[in-house]
């Protein structure tokens, strides 16, 4: 694949941030999710709010919001965006056992918010690990994935209706 077809590579093969100034400003939304599996005793401590570091679910929510807002600082070629809305859901799941984090991000802009949603999920899950690691170093973060995106020239995409894999 030549550098002509790679959007984040210049004609010398160097990484670059894409110029999006000619793109239309549209309403964009992306939703992502992921989970962290843990021992049943760890989940019980989360549910009973007896984890020594504090309220795991509240910190996960705040970390997810922070992850969305700091995406351009973490991912080198992402554009800094104005984020219009962030919805975070942090849910316990006894079947894992563990916690599921989902994040939806909206903006009016020239580029999408998929990376913001994914960074939010990742930050929320990492916060859970940090809060609970003294109880359970064997926790596993998994299935961090984009669920849907809307807006932009590439149109809408939904994992359940038209995955591109």
C-alpha atoms as a PDB file:
ATOM      1  CA  UNK A   1       0.000   0.000   0.000  1.00  0.00           C
ATOM      2  CA  UNK A   2       1.594   3.299  -1.063  1.00  0.00           C
ATOM      3  CA  UNK A   3       1.635   6.456   1.014  1.00  0.00           C
ATOM      4  CA  UNK A   4      -0.885   7.976  -1.458  1.00  0.00           C
ATOM      5  CA  UNK A   5      -3.631   5.825   0.048  1.00  0.00           C
ATOM      6  CA  UNK A   6      -2.668   6.299   3.691  1.00  0.00           C
ATOM      7  CA  UNK A   7      -4.339   9.369   5.155  1.00  0.00           C
ATOM      8  CA  UNK A   8      -1.942   9.859   8.065  1.00  0.00           C
ATOM      9  CA  UNK A   9       1.298   9.517   6.070  1.00  0.00           C
ATOM     10  CA  UNK A  10       2.883  12.266   3.951  1.00  0.00           C
ATOM     11  CA  UNK A  11       4.645  11.735   0.612  1.00  0.00           C
ATOM     12  CA  UNK A  12       7.923  10.987   2.435  1.00  0.00           C
ATOM     13  CA  UNK A  13       6.319   8.298   4.607  1.00  0.00           C
ATOM     14  CA  UNK A  14       6.197  10.435   7.759  1.00  0.00           C
ATOM     15  CA  UNK A  15       3.217  10.453  10.095  1.00  0.00           C
ATOM     16  CA  UNK A  16       1.056  13.559   9.873  1.00  0.00           C
ATOM     17  CA  UNK A  17      -2.214  14.889  11.179  1.00  0.00           C
ATOM     18  CA  UNK A  18      -4.799  15.014   8.392  1.00  0.00           C
ATOM     19  CA  UNK A  19      -6.049  18.468   7.349  1.00  0.00           C
ATOM     20  CA  UNK A  20      -9.812  18.352   7.906  1.00  0.00           C
ATOM     21  CA  UNK A  21     -10.483  22.038   7.183  1.00  0.00           C
ATOM     22  CA  UNK A  22     -12.296  21.269   3.904  1.00  0.00           C
ATOM     23  CA  UNK A  23     -14.658  18.746   5.508  1.00  0.00           C
ATOM     24  CA  UNK A  24     -18.274  19.587   6.296  1.00  0.00           C
ATOM     25  CA  UNK A  25     -19.189  20.268   9.898  1.00  0.00           C
ATOM     26  CA  UNK A  26     -21.777  17.647  10.815  1.00  0.00           C
ATOM     27  CA  UNK A  27     -23.286  16.218  13.969  1.00  0.00           C
ATOM     28  CA  UNK A  28     -21.244  13.189  14.952  1.00  0.00           C
ATOM     29  CA  UNK A  29     -21.777  10.533  17.561  1.00  0.00           C
ATOM     30  CA  UNK A  30     -19.884   7.406  18.545  1.00  0.00           C
ATOM     31  CA  UNK A  31     -20.525   4.746  21.152  1.00  0.00           C
ATOM     32  CA  UNK A  32     -18.008   2.237  22.499  1.00  0.00           C
ATOM     33  CA  UNK A  33     -17.925  -0.356  25.250  1.00  0.00           C
ATOM     34  CA  UNK A  34     -15.611  -2.699  27.099  1.00  0.00           C
ATOM     35  CA  UNK A  35     -15.473  -4.771  30.256  1.00  0.00           C
ATOM     36  CA  UNK A  36     -13.206  -5.843  33.056  1.00  0.00           C
ATOM     37  CA  UNK A  37     -13.531  -9.355  34.478  1.00  0.00           C
ATOM     38  CA  UNK A  38     -12.633  -9.923  38.117  1.00  0.00           C
ATOM     39  CA  UNK A  39     -12.965 -12.387  40.952  1.00  0.00           C
ATOM     40  CA  UNK A  40     -16.420 -12.662  42.499  1.00  0.00           C
ATOM     41  CA  UNK A  41     -15.029 -11.379  45.818  1.00  0.00           C
ATOM     42  CA  UNK A  42     -13.694  -8.272  44.075  1.00  0.00           C
ATOM     43  CA  UNK A  43     -17.047  -7.558  42.449  1.00  0.00           C
ATOM     44  CA  UNK A  44     -18.727  -8.055  45.819  1.00  0.00           C
ATOM     45  CA  UNK A  45     -16.371  -5.462  47.371  1.00  0.00           C
ATOM     46  CA  UNK A  46     -17.249  -3.036  44.566  1.00  0.00           C
ATOM     47  CA  UNK A  47     -20.986  -3.597  45.077  1.00  0.00           C
ATOM     48  CA  UNK A  48     -20.673  -3.229  48.859  1.00  0.00           C
ATOM     49  CA  UNK A  49     -18.477  -0.141  48.406  1.00  0.00           C
ATOM     50  CA  UNK A  50     -15.771  -1.588  50.658  1.00  0.00           C
ATOM     51  CA  UNK A  51     -12.817  -1.091  48.290  1.00  0.00           C
ATOM     52  CA  UNK A  52     -10.261   0.886  50.309  1.00  0.00           C
ATOM     53  CA  UNK A  53      -9.619   3.448  47.584  1.00  0.00           C
ATOM     54  CA  UNK A  54     -13.283   4.484  47.508  1.00  0.00           C
ATOM     55  CA  UNK A  55     -16.303   4.322  45.226  1.00  0.00           C
ATOM     56  CA  UNK A  56     -15.041   2.331  42.230  1.00  0.00           C
ATOM     57  CA  UNK A  57     -18.064   2.970  40.023  1.00  0.00           C
ATOM     58  CA  UNK A  58     -18.031   6.738  40.592  1.00  0.00           C
ATOM     59  CA  UNK A  59     -14.308   6.964  39.867  1.00  0.00           C
ATOM     60  CA  UNK A  60     -14.751   4.864  36.710  1.00  0.00           C
ATOM     61  CA  UNK A  61     -17.412   7.300  35.464  1.00  0.00           C
ATOM     62  CA  UNK A  62     -15.169  10.304  36.097  1.00  0.00           C
ATOM     63  CA  UNK A  63     -12.165   8.591  34.503  1.00  0.00           C
ATOM     64  CA  UNK A  64     -14.235   7.819  31.403  1.00  0.00           C
ATOM     65  CA  UNK A  65     -15.187  11.489  31.053  1.00  0.00           C
ATOM     66  CA  UNK A  66     -11.545  12.494  31.547  1.00  0.00           C
ATOM     67  CA  UNK A  67     -10.418   9.943  28.975  1.00  0.00           C
ATOM     68  CA  UNK A  68     -12.775  11.414  26.386  1.00  0.00           C
ATOM     69  CA  UNK A  69     -11.554  14.938  27.090  1.00  0.00           C
ATOM     70  CA  UNK A  70      -7.847  13.995  26.908  1.00  0.00           C
ATOM     71  CA  UNK A  71      -7.923  11.838  23.762  1.00  0.00           C
ATOM     72  CA  UNK A  72      -5.895  14.235  21.613  1.00  0.00           C
ATOM     73  CA  UNK A  73      -3.205  14.285  24.332  1.00  0.00           C
ATOM     74  CA  UNK A  74      -2.975  10.483  24.314  1.00  0.00           C
ATOM     75  CA  UNK A  75      -3.376   9.572  20.643  1.00  0.00           C
ATOM     76  CA  UNK A  76      -0.784  11.554  18.654  1.00  0.00           C
ATOM     77  CA  UNK A  77      -2.673  12.023  15.372  1.00  0.00           C
ATOM     78  CA  UNK A  78      -6.130  12.757  16.810  1.00  0.00           C
ATOM     79  CA  UNK A  79      -7.514  16.251  16.407  1.00  0.00           C
ATOM     80  CA  UNK A  80      -8.438  18.156  19.563  1.00  0.00           C
ATOM     81  CA  UNK A  81     -12.226  18.390  19.432  1.00  0.00           C
ATOM     82  CA  UNK A  82     -14.952  20.308  21.120  1.00  0.00           C
ATOM     83  CA  UNK A  83     -17.034  17.635  22.791  1.00  0.00           C
ATOM     84  CA  UNK A  84     -20.699  18.528  23.103  1.00  0.00           C
ATOM     85  CA  UNK A  85     -21.851  15.557  25.161  1.00  0.00           C
ATOM     86  CA  UNK A  86     -20.554  12.531  27.016  1.00  0.00           C
ATOM     87  CA  UNK A  87     -22.812   9.774  28.332  1.00  0.00           C
ATOM     88  CA  UNK A  88     -21.161   7.143  30.510  1.00  0.00           C
ATOM     89  CA  UNK A  89     -22.724   3.930  31.804  1.00  0.00           C
ATOM     90  CA  UNK A  90     -20.869   1.801  34.337  1.00  0.00           C
ATOM     91  CA  UNK A  91     -22.711  -1.431  35.124  1.00  0.00           C
ATOM     92  CA  UNK A  92     -21.823  -4.415  37.232  1.00  0.00           C
ATOM     93  CA  UNK A  93     -22.284  -7.823  35.642  1.00  0.00           C
ATOM     94  CA  UNK A  94     -22.359 -10.885  37.915  1.00  0.00           C
ATOM     95  CA  UNK A  95     -22.107 -13.209  34.889  1.00  0.00           C
ATOM     96  CA  UNK A  96     -18.557 -12.033  34.050  1.00  0.00           C
ATOM     97  CA  UNK A  97     -18.124 -11.397  36.998  1.00  0.00           C
ATOM     98  CA  UNK A  98     -17.073  -7.814  36.445  1.00  0.00           C
ATOM     99  CA  UNK A  99     -17.963  -4.364  35.211  1.00  0.00           C
ATOM    100  CA  UNK A 100     -19.015  -3.062  31.807  1.00  0.00           C
ATOM    101  CA  UNK A 101     -18.273   0.522  30.767  1.00  0.00           C
ATOM    102  CA  UNK A 102     -19.948   2.178  27.797  1.00  0.00           C
ATOM    103  CA  UNK A 103     -19.376   5.707  26.537  1.00  0.00           C
ATOM    104  CA  UNK A 104     -21.264   7.750  23.946  1.00  0.00           C
ATOM    105  CA  UNK A 105     -19.751  10.998  22.666  1.00  0.00           C
ATOM    106  CA  UNK A 106     -21.342  13.715  20.514  1.00  0.00           C
ATOM    107  CA  UNK A 107     -19.935  16.740  18.721  1.00  0.00           C
ATOM    108  CA  UNK A 108     -20.586  19.093  15.837  1.00  0.00           C
ATOM    109  CA  UNK A 109     -17.362  18.922  13.899  1.00  0.00           C
ATOM    110  CA  UNK A 110     -15.261  17.979  10.899  1.00  0.00           C
ATOM    111  CA  UNK A 111     -14.008  14.671  12.263  1.00  0.00           C
ATOM    112  CA  UNK A 112     -15.518  11.819  14.216  1.00  0.00           C
ATOM    113  CA  UNK A 113     -15.455  10.988  17.911  1.00  0.00           C
ATOM    114  CA  UNK A 114     -14.779   7.251  17.702  1.00  0.00           C
ATOM    115  CA  UNK A 115     -11.375   7.593  19.351  1.00  0.00           C
ATOM    116  CA  UNK A 116     -12.852   9.738  22.115  1.00  0.00           C
ATOM    117  CA  UNK A 117     -15.439   7.075  22.920  1.00  0.00           C
ATOM    118  CA  UNK A 118     -12.790   4.326  22.892  1.00  0.00           C
ATOM    119  CA  UNK A 119     -10.406   6.354  25.078  1.00  0.00           C
ATOM    120  CA  UNK A 120     -13.227   7.039  27.520  1.00  0.00           C
ATOM    121  CA  UNK A 121     -14.010   3.337  27.831  1.00  0.00           C
ATOM    122  CA  UNK A 122     -10.341   2.467  28.238  1.00  0.00           C
ATOM    123  CA  UNK A 123      -9.783   5.111  30.927  1.00  0.00           C
ATOM    124  CA  UNK A 124     -12.869   3.971  32.841  1.00  0.00           C
ATOM    125  CA  UNK A 125     -11.732   0.349  32.785  1.00  0.00           C
ATOM    126  CA  UNK A 126      -8.177   1.242  33.776  1.00  0.00           C
ATOM    127  CA  UNK A 127      -9.542   3.227  36.708  1.00  0.00           C
ATOM    128  CA  UNK A 128     -11.432   0.135  37.886  1.00  0.00           C
ATOM    129  CA  UNK A 129      -8.218  -1.871  37.672  1.00  0.00           C
ATOM    130  CA  UNK A 130      -6.325   0.779  39.634  1.00  0.00           C
ATOM    131  CA  UNK A 131      -9.003   0.973  42.315  1.00  0.00           C
ATOM    132  CA  UNK A 132      -9.220  -2.816  42.742  1.00  0.00           C
ATOM    133  CA  UNK A 133      -5.679  -4.049  42.049  1.00  0.00           C
ATOM    134  CA  UNK A 134      -4.877  -4.555  45.741  1.00  0.00           C
ATOM    135  CA  UNK A 135      -7.738  -7.084  45.846  1.00  0.00           C
ATOM    136  CA  UNK A 136      -7.277  -8.738  42.462  1.00  0.00           C
ATOM    137  CA  UNK A 137      -4.229  -8.315  40.220  1.00  0.00           C
ATOM    138  CA  UNK A 138      -5.629 -10.972  37.872  1.00  0.00           C
ATOM    139  CA  UNK A 139      -8.413  -8.780  36.500  1.00  0.00           C
ATOM    140  CA  UNK A 140      -8.681  -8.751  32.709  1.00  0.00           C
ATOM    141  CA  UNK A 141      -9.770  -5.878  30.508  1.00  0.00           C
ATOM    142  CA  UNK A 142     -11.401  -7.022  27.307  1.00  0.00           C
ATOM    143  CA  UNK A 143     -13.686  -6.452  24.348  1.00  0.00           C
ATOM    144  CA  UNK A 144     -13.033  -2.713  24.045  1.00  0.00           C
ATOM    145  CA  UNK A 145     -14.816  -1.957  20.803  1.00  0.00           C
ATOM    146  CA  UNK A 146     -16.727   0.590  18.801  1.00  0.00           C
ATOM    147  CA  UNK A 147     -20.458  -0.091  18.767  1.00  0.00           C
ATOM    148  CA  UNK A 148     -21.641   2.626  16.394  1.00  0.00           C
ATOM    149  CA  UNK A 149     -20.814   5.916  14.755  1.00  0.00           C
ATOM    150  CA  UNK A 150     -22.941   8.466  12.943  1.00  0.00           C
ATOM    151  CA  UNK A 151     -22.170  11.504  10.817  1.00  0.00           C
ATOM    152  CA  UNK A 152     -19.462  12.458   8.394  1.00  0.00           C
ATOM    153  CA  UNK A 153     -18.789  11.549   4.779  1.00  0.00           C
ATOM    154  CA  UNK A 154     -18.417   7.845   5.530  1.00  0.00           C
ATOM    155  CA  UNK A 155     -21.954   7.750   6.933  1.00  0.00           C
ATOM    156  CA  UNK A 156     -23.346   5.674   9.736  1.00  0.00           C
ATOM    157  CA  UNK A 157     -21.902   2.410  10.999  1.00  0.00           C
ATOM    158  CA  UNK A 158     -23.346  -0.001  13.541  1.00  0.00           C
ATOM    159  CA  UNK A 159     -21.634  -3.135  14.825  1.00  0.00           C
ATOM    160  CA  UNK A 160     -24.870  -5.149  14.712  1.00  0.00           C
ATOM    161  CA  UNK A 161     -25.909  -3.955  11.237  1.00  0.00           C
ATOM    162  CA  UNK A 162     -22.978  -3.999   8.876  1.00  0.00           C
ATOM    163  CA  UNK A 163     -19.717  -4.676  10.630  1.00  0.00           C
ATOM    164  CA  UNK A 164     -16.847  -4.110   8.232  1.00  0.00           C
ATOM    165  CA  UNK A 165     -14.945  -7.231   9.358  1.00  0.00           C
END
